[in-house]
C-alpha atoms as a PDB file:
ATOM      1  CA  MET A   1       1.525  -7.847   2.281  1.00  0.00           C
ATOM      2  CA  THR A   2       0.970  -5.139   4.860  1.00  0.00           C
ATOM      3  CA  LYS A   3      -1.809  -4.575   7.374  1.00  0.00           C
ATOM      4  CA  LYS A   4      -3.103  -1.780   5.136  1.00  0.00           C
ATOM      5  CA  GLU A   5      -3.305  -4.183   2.173  1.00  0.00           C
ATOM      6  CA  ILE A   6      -5.235  -6.707   4.287  1.00  0.00           C
ATOM      7  CA  VAL A   7      -7.694  -3.960   5.237  1.00  0.00           C
ATOM      8  CA  LEU A   8      -8.094  -2.914   1.580  1.00  0.00           C
ATOM      9  CA  THR A   9      -8.720  -6.536   0.568  1.00  0.00           C
ATOM     10  CA  MET A  10     -11.505  -6.781   3.158  1.00  0.00           C
ATOM     11  CA  VAL A  11     -12.968  -3.458   2.011  1.00  0.00           C
ATOM     12  CA  ASN A  12     -13.009  -4.578  -1.625  1.00  0.00           C
ATOM     13  CA  GLU A  13     -14.075  -8.208  -1.210  1.00  0.00           C
ATOM     14  CA  LEU A  14     -16.544  -7.858   1.664  1.00  0.00           C
ATOM     15  CA  GLU A  15     -17.700  -4.329   0.831  1.00  0.00           C
ATOM     16  CA  LEU A  16     -17.056  -3.214   4.405  1.00  0.00           C
ATOM     17  CA  PRO A  17     -16.473   0.389   5.398  1.00  0.00           C
ATOM     18  CA  HIS A  18     -12.749   1.102   5.656  1.00  0.00           C
ATOM     19  CA  SER A  19     -12.930   1.954   9.370  1.00  0.00           C
ATOM     20  CA  THR A  20     -14.785  -1.295  10.159  1.00  0.00           C
ATOM     21  CA  ALA A  21     -12.292  -3.441   8.238  1.00  0.00           C
ATOM     22  CA  LYS A  22      -9.381  -1.666   9.934  1.00  0.00           C
ATOM     23  CA  ASP A  23     -10.937  -2.258  13.371  1.00  0.00           C
ATOM     24  CA  VAL A  24     -11.572  -5.955  12.622  1.00  0.00           C
ATOM     25  CA  VAL A  25      -7.974  -6.542  11.503  1.00  0.00           C
ATOM     26  CA  GLN A  26      -6.588  -4.713  14.542  1.00  0.00           C
ATOM     27  CA  MET A  27      -8.900  -6.659  16.888  1.00  0.00           C
ATOM     28  CA  MET A  28      -7.690  -9.933  15.378  1.00  0.00           C
ATOM     29  CA  PHE A  29      -4.026  -8.967  15.848  1.00  0.00           C
ATOM     30  CA  ASP A  30      -4.733  -7.811  19.414  1.00  0.00           C
ATOM     31  CA  ALA A  31      -6.510 -11.097  20.202  1.00  0.00           C
ATOM     32  CA  ILE A  32      -3.513 -13.103  18.950  1.00  0.00           C
ATOM     33  CA  ILE A  33      -1.089 -11.012  21.015  1.00  0.00           C
ATOM     34  CA  ASP A  34      -3.296 -11.174  24.130  1.00  0.00           C
ATOM     35  CA  SER A  35      -3.547 -14.970  23.830  1.00  0.00           C
ATOM     36  CA  LEU A  36       0.230 -15.256  23.541  1.00  0.00           C
ATOM     37  CA  VAL A  37       0.730 -13.053  26.603  1.00  0.00           C
ATOM     38  CA  ASP A  38      -1.905 -14.883  28.681  1.00  0.00           C
ATOM     39  CA  GLU A  39      -1.513 -18.478  27.514  1.00  0.00           C
ATOM     40  CA  GLY A  40       1.778 -18.624  25.602  1.00  0.00           C
ATOM     41  CA  ARG A  41       0.217 -20.415  22.643  1.00  0.00           C
ATOM     42  CA  ILE A  42      -2.469 -19.923  20.032  1.00  0.00           C
ATOM     43  CA  GLU A  43      -3.492 -22.602  17.555  1.00  0.00           C
ATOM     44  CA  LEU A  44      -5.383 -21.593  14.435  1.00  0.00           C
ATOM     45  CA  ARG A  45      -6.581 -24.743  12.663  1.00  0.00           C
ATOM     46  CA  ASN A  46      -5.314 -25.123   9.081  1.00  0.00           C
ATOM     47  CA  PHE A  47      -3.225 -21.970   9.554  1.00  0.00           C
ATOM     48  CA  GLY A  48      -0.615 -22.677  12.191  1.00  0.00           C
ATOM     49  CA  VAL A  49       0.558 -22.394  15.777  1.00  0.00           C
ATOM     50  CA  PHE A  50       2.115 -19.344  17.417  1.00  0.00           C
ATOM     51  CA  GLU A  51       4.008 -20.198  20.587  1.00  0.00           C
ATOM     52  CA  VAL A  52       6.094 -18.282  23.122  1.00  0.00           C
ATOM     53  CA  LYS A  53       9.401 -20.019  23.841  1.00  0.00           C
ATOM     54  CA  ARG A  54      12.316 -19.165  26.091  1.00  0.00           C
ATOM     55  CA  ARG A  55      15.635 -18.488  24.355  1.00  0.00           C
ATOM     56  CA  ALA A  56      18.561 -19.256  26.655  1.00  0.00           C
ATOM     57  CA  ALA A  57      21.229 -16.707  27.516  1.00  0.00           C
ATOM     58  CA  ARG A  58      24.282 -16.992  25.292  1.00  0.00           C
ATOM     59  CA  LYS A  59      27.577 -15.470  24.342  1.00  0.00           C
ATOM     60  CA  ALA A  60      27.735 -13.614  21.033  1.00  0.00           C
ATOM     61  CA  ARG A  61      30.200 -11.461  19.144  1.00  0.00           C
ATOM     62  CA  ASN A  62      29.742  -7.810  18.200  1.00  0.00           C
ATOM     63  CA  PRO A  63      30.193  -7.839  14.391  1.00  0.00           C
ATOM     64  CA  LYS A  64      31.746  -4.334  14.331  1.00  0.00           C
ATOM     65  CA  THR A  65      34.305  -4.721  17.108  1.00  0.00           C
ATOM     66  CA  GLY A  66      34.648  -8.486  17.415  1.00  0.00           C
ATOM     67  CA  ASP A  67      34.180  -8.195  21.191  1.00  0.00           C
ATOM     68  CA  ARG A  68      32.318 -10.977  22.975  1.00  0.00           C
ATOM     69  CA  VAL A  69      29.056  -9.880  24.578  1.00  0.00           C
ATOM     70  CA  SER A  70      26.492 -11.593  26.790  1.00  0.00           C
ATOM     71  CA  VAL A  71      22.984 -11.857  25.366  1.00  0.00           C
ATOM     72  CA  PRO A  72      20.419 -12.332  28.148  1.00  0.00           C
ATOM     73  CA  GLU A  73      17.691 -14.941  28.179  1.00  0.00           C
ATOM     74  CA  LYS A  74      14.490 -13.763  26.523  1.00  0.00           C
ATOM     75  CA  LEU A  75      11.092 -14.888  25.294  1.00  0.00           C
ATOM     76  CA  VAL A  76      10.513 -15.209  21.553  1.00  0.00           C
ATOM     77  CA  VAL A  77       7.431 -15.979  19.479  1.00  0.00           C
ATOM     78  CA  THR A  78       7.724 -18.913  17.080  1.00  0.00           C
ATOM     79  CA  PHE A  79       5.359 -19.931  14.306  1.00  0.00           C
ATOM     80  CA  LYS A  80       4.819 -23.375  12.856  1.00  0.00           C
ATOM     81  CA  PRO A  81       2.592 -23.420   9.767  1.00  0.00           C
ATOM     82  CA  GLY A  82      -0.372 -25.770   9.641  1.00  0.00           C
ATOM     83  CA  LYS A  83      -0.655 -28.572   7.119  1.00  0.00           C
ATOM     84  CA  GLU A  84      -2.995 -26.688   4.769  1.00  0.00           C
ATOM     85  CA  MET A  85      -0.802 -23.567   4.750  1.00  0.00           C
ATOM     86  CA  ASP A  86       2.301 -25.649   4.170  1.00  0.00           C
ATOM     87  CA  GLN A  87       0.709 -27.459   1.222  1.00  0.00           C
ATOM     88  CA  ARG A  88      -0.649 -24.280  -0.394  1.00  0.00           C
ATOM     89  CA  VAL A  89       2.637 -22.401  -0.015  1.00  0.00           C
ATOM     90  CA  ASN A  90       4.631 -25.307  -1.418  1.00  0.00           C
ATOM     91  CA  SER A  91       2.289 -25.839  -4.373  1.00  0.00           C
ATOM     92  CA  GLY A  92       2.442 -22.101  -5.099  1.00  0.00           C
ATOM     93  CA  ARG A  93       6.232 -22.182  -4.942  1.00  0.00           C
ATOM     94  CA  ALA A  94       6.311 -25.157  -7.284  1.00  0.00           C
ATOM     95  CA  LYS A  95       4.272 -23.175  -9.837  1.00  0.00           C
ATOM     96  CA  ALA A  96       6.499 -20.096  -9.446  1.00  0.00           C
ATOM     97  CA  THR A  97       9.650 -22.220  -9.768  1.00  0.00           C
ATOM     98  CA  ALA A  98       8.295 -23.873 -12.913  1.00  0.00           C
ATOM     99  CA  ALA A  99       7.537 -20.441 -14.446  1.00  0.00           C
ATOM    100  CA  GLN A 100      11.038 -19.208 -13.593  1.00  0.00           C
ATOM    101  CA  SER A 101      12.571 -22.361 -15.061  1.00  0.00           C
ATOM    102  CA  THR A 102      10.593 -21.927 -18.287  1.00  0.00           C
ATOM    103  CA  ALA A 103      11.645 -18.284 -18.466  1.00  0.00           C
ATOM    104  CA  ARG A 104      15.328 -19.192 -18.006  1.00  0.00           C
ATOM    105  CA  THR A 105      15.308 -21.822 -20.742  1.00  0.00           C
ATOM    106  CA  SER A 106      13.640 -19.398 -23.159  1.00  0.00           C
ATOM    107  CA  GLY A 107      16.072 -16.598 -22.271  1.00  0.00           C
ATOM    108  CA  MET A 108      13.403 -14.442 -20.671  1.00  0.00           C
ATOM    109  CA  THR A 109      13.199 -13.056 -17.164  1.00  0.00           C
ATOM    110  CA  PRO A 110      10.106 -13.993 -15.111  1.00  0.00           C
ATOM    111  CA  ASP A 111       8.832 -10.419 -15.574  1.00  0.00           C
ATOM    112  CA  SER A 112       9.262 -10.532 -19.345  1.00  0.00           C
ATOM    113  CA  THR A 113       7.424 -13.872 -19.387  1.00  0.00           C
ATOM    114  CA  LEU A 114       4.433 -12.167 -17.777  1.00  0.00           C
ATOM    115  CA  VAL A 115       4.628  -9.313 -20.285  1.00  0.00           C
ATOM    116  CA  ALA A 116       4.940 -11.754 -23.188  1.00  0.00           C
ATOM    117  CA  ARG A 117       1.938 -13.752 -21.942  1.00  0.00           C
ATOM    118  CA  SER A 118      -0.208 -10.661 -21.463  1.00  0.00           C
ATOM    119  CA  HIS A 119       0.560  -9.453 -24.994  1.00  0.00           C
ATOM    120  CA  SER A 120      -0.056 -12.824 -26.608  1.00  0.00           C
ATOM    121  CA  GLY A 121      -3.638 -13.200 -25.367  1.00  0.00           C
END
Protein backbone atom coordinates (compact mmCIF):
# COMPACT_ATOMS: atom_id res chain seq x y z
CA MET A 1 0.00 0.00 0.00
CA THR A 2 1.28 3.45 -0.86
CA LYS A 3 0.76 6.82 0.80
CA LYS A 4 -1.61 7.72 -2.04
CA GLU A 5 -3.71 4.61 -1.34
CA ILE A 6 -3.89 5.51 2.36
CA VAL A 7 -5.12 8.98 1.41
CA LEU A 8 -7.74 7.52 -0.95
CA THR A 9 -8.94 5.15 1.78
CA MET A 10 -9.43 8.10 4.14
CA VAL A 11 -11.22 10.07 1.41
CA ASN A 12 -13.60 7.19 0.71
CA GLU A 13 -14.23 5.94 4.25
CA LEU A 14 -14.28 9.24 6.13
CA GLU A 15 -15.63 11.36 3.27
CA LEU A 16 -12.83 13.88 3.74
CA PRO A 17 -11.67 16.25 1.03
CA HIS A 18 -8.63 14.84 -0.75
CA SER A 19 -6.38 17.73 0.29
CA THR A 20 -7.36 17.35 3.96
CA ALA A 21 -6.72 13.60 3.97
CA LYS A 22 -3.36 14.12 2.25
CA ASP A 23 -2.37 16.75 4.84
CA VAL A 24 -3.41 14.50 7.75
CA VAL A 25 -1.37 11.55 6.46
CA GLN A 26 1.67 13.75 5.84
CA MET A 27 1.36 15.33 9.31
CA MET A 28 1.25 11.87 10.88
CA PHE A 29 4.39 10.76 9.00
CA ASP A 30 6.15 14.02 9.92
CA ALA A 31 5.22 13.57 13.59
CA ILE A 32 6.69 10.05 13.61
CA ILE A 33 9.91 11.24 11.97
CA ASP A 34 10.20 14.26 14.29
CA SER A 35 9.74 12.03 17.35
CA LEU A 36 12.46 9.68 16.12
CA VAL A 37 14.84 12.58 15.52
CA ASP A 38 14.11 14.23 18.89
CA GLU A 39 13.59 11.23 21.17
CA GLY A 40 14.90 8.20 19.26
CA ARG A 41 11.77 6.17 19.94
CA ILE A 42 8.04 6.25 19.32
CA GLU A 43 5.62 3.72 20.76
CA LEU A 44 2.19 3.37 19.19
CA ARG A 45 0.07 1.10 21.40
CA ASN A 46 -1.25 -2.02 19.64
CA PHE A 47 0.72 -1.04 16.53
CA GLY A 48 4.40 -1.19 17.38
CA VAL A 49 7.60 0.58 18.35
CA PHE A 50 9.90 2.52 16.04
CA GLU A 51 13.37 2.99 17.50
CA VAL A 52 16.63 4.55 16.33
CA LYS A 53 19.60 2.24 16.91
CA ARG A 54 23.29 2.58 16.19
CA ARG A 55 24.75 0.12 13.68
CA ALA A 56 28.45 -0.45 14.31
CA ALA A 57 31.10 0.12 11.66
CA ARG A 58 32.02 -3.05 9.81
CA LYS A 59 33.98 -4.53 6.97
CA ALA A 60 32.02 -5.61 3.90
CA ARG A 61 32.75 -6.86 0.41
CA ASN A 62 31.87 -5.11 -2.84
CA PRO A 63 29.77 -7.74 -4.70
CA LYS A 64 31.00 -6.60 -8.14
CA THR A 65 34.74 -6.45 -7.48
CA GLY A 66 35.12 -8.61 -4.38
CA ASP A 67 37.18 -5.84 -2.75
CA ARG A 68 36.83 -5.33 1.00
CA VAL A 69 35.38 -1.96 1.98
CA SER A 70 34.79 -0.20 5.28
CA VAL A 71 31.17 0.63 6.10
CA PRO A 72 30.97 3.46 8.65
CA GLU A 73 28.85 3.43 11.77
CA LYS A 74 25.35 4.79 11.19
CA LEU A 75 21.93 5.19 12.76
CA VAL A 76 19.09 2.98 11.54
CA VAL A 77 15.38 2.89 12.33
CA THR A 78 14.01 -0.44 13.55
CA PHE A 79 10.39 -1.49 13.97
CA LYS A 80 8.98 -4.07 16.32
CA PRO A 81 5.29 -4.84 15.76
CA GLY A 82 2.89 -4.68 18.67
CA LYS A 83 1.00 -7.71 19.93
CA GLU A 84 -2.26 -6.84 18.16
CA MET A 85 -0.52 -6.23 14.82
CA ASP A 86 1.45 -9.44 15.16
CA GLN A 87 -1.70 -11.46 15.88
CA ARG A 88 -3.71 -9.93 13.03
CA VAL A 89 -0.91 -10.36 10.49
CA ASN A 90 -0.33 -13.97 11.53
CA SER A 91 -4.03 -14.86 11.47
CA GLY A 92 -4.30 -13.25 8.02
CA ARG A 93 -1.29 -15.22 6.82
CA ALA A 94 -2.79 -18.43 8.17
CA LYS A 95 -5.95 -17.79 6.12
CA ALA A 96 -3.93 -16.97 2.98
CA THR A 97 -1.75 -20.07 3.46
CA ALA A 98 -4.84 -22.25 3.88
CA ALA A 99 -6.33 -20.83 0.64
CA GLN A 100 -3.07 -21.46 -1.22
CA SER A 101 -2.90 -25.00 0.16
CA THR A 102 -6.47 -25.70 -0.96
CA ALA A 103 -5.70 -24.29 -4.39
CA ARG A 104 -2.60 -26.49 -4.75
CA THR A 105 -4.42 -29.69 -3.82
CA SER A 106 -7.20 -28.91 -6.30
CA GLY A 107 -4.70 -28.05 -9.06
CA MET A 108 -5.69 -24.40 -9.16
CA THR A 109 -3.57 -21.31 -8.64
CA PRO A 110 -4.65 -18.92 -5.85
CA ASP A 111 -5.86 -16.48 -8.54
CA SER A 112 -7.94 -19.12 -10.30
CA THR A 113 -9.45 -20.08 -6.93
CA LEU A 114 -10.68 -16.51 -6.54
CA VAL A 115 -12.08 -16.54 -10.08
CA ALA A 116 -13.75 -19.91 -9.50
CA ARG A 117 -15.30 -18.68 -6.24
CA SER A 118 -16.58 -15.47 -7.79
CA HIS A 119 -18.22 -17.38 -10.65
CA SER A 120 -19.79 -19.99 -8.40
CA GLY A 121 -21.76 -17.52 -6.26
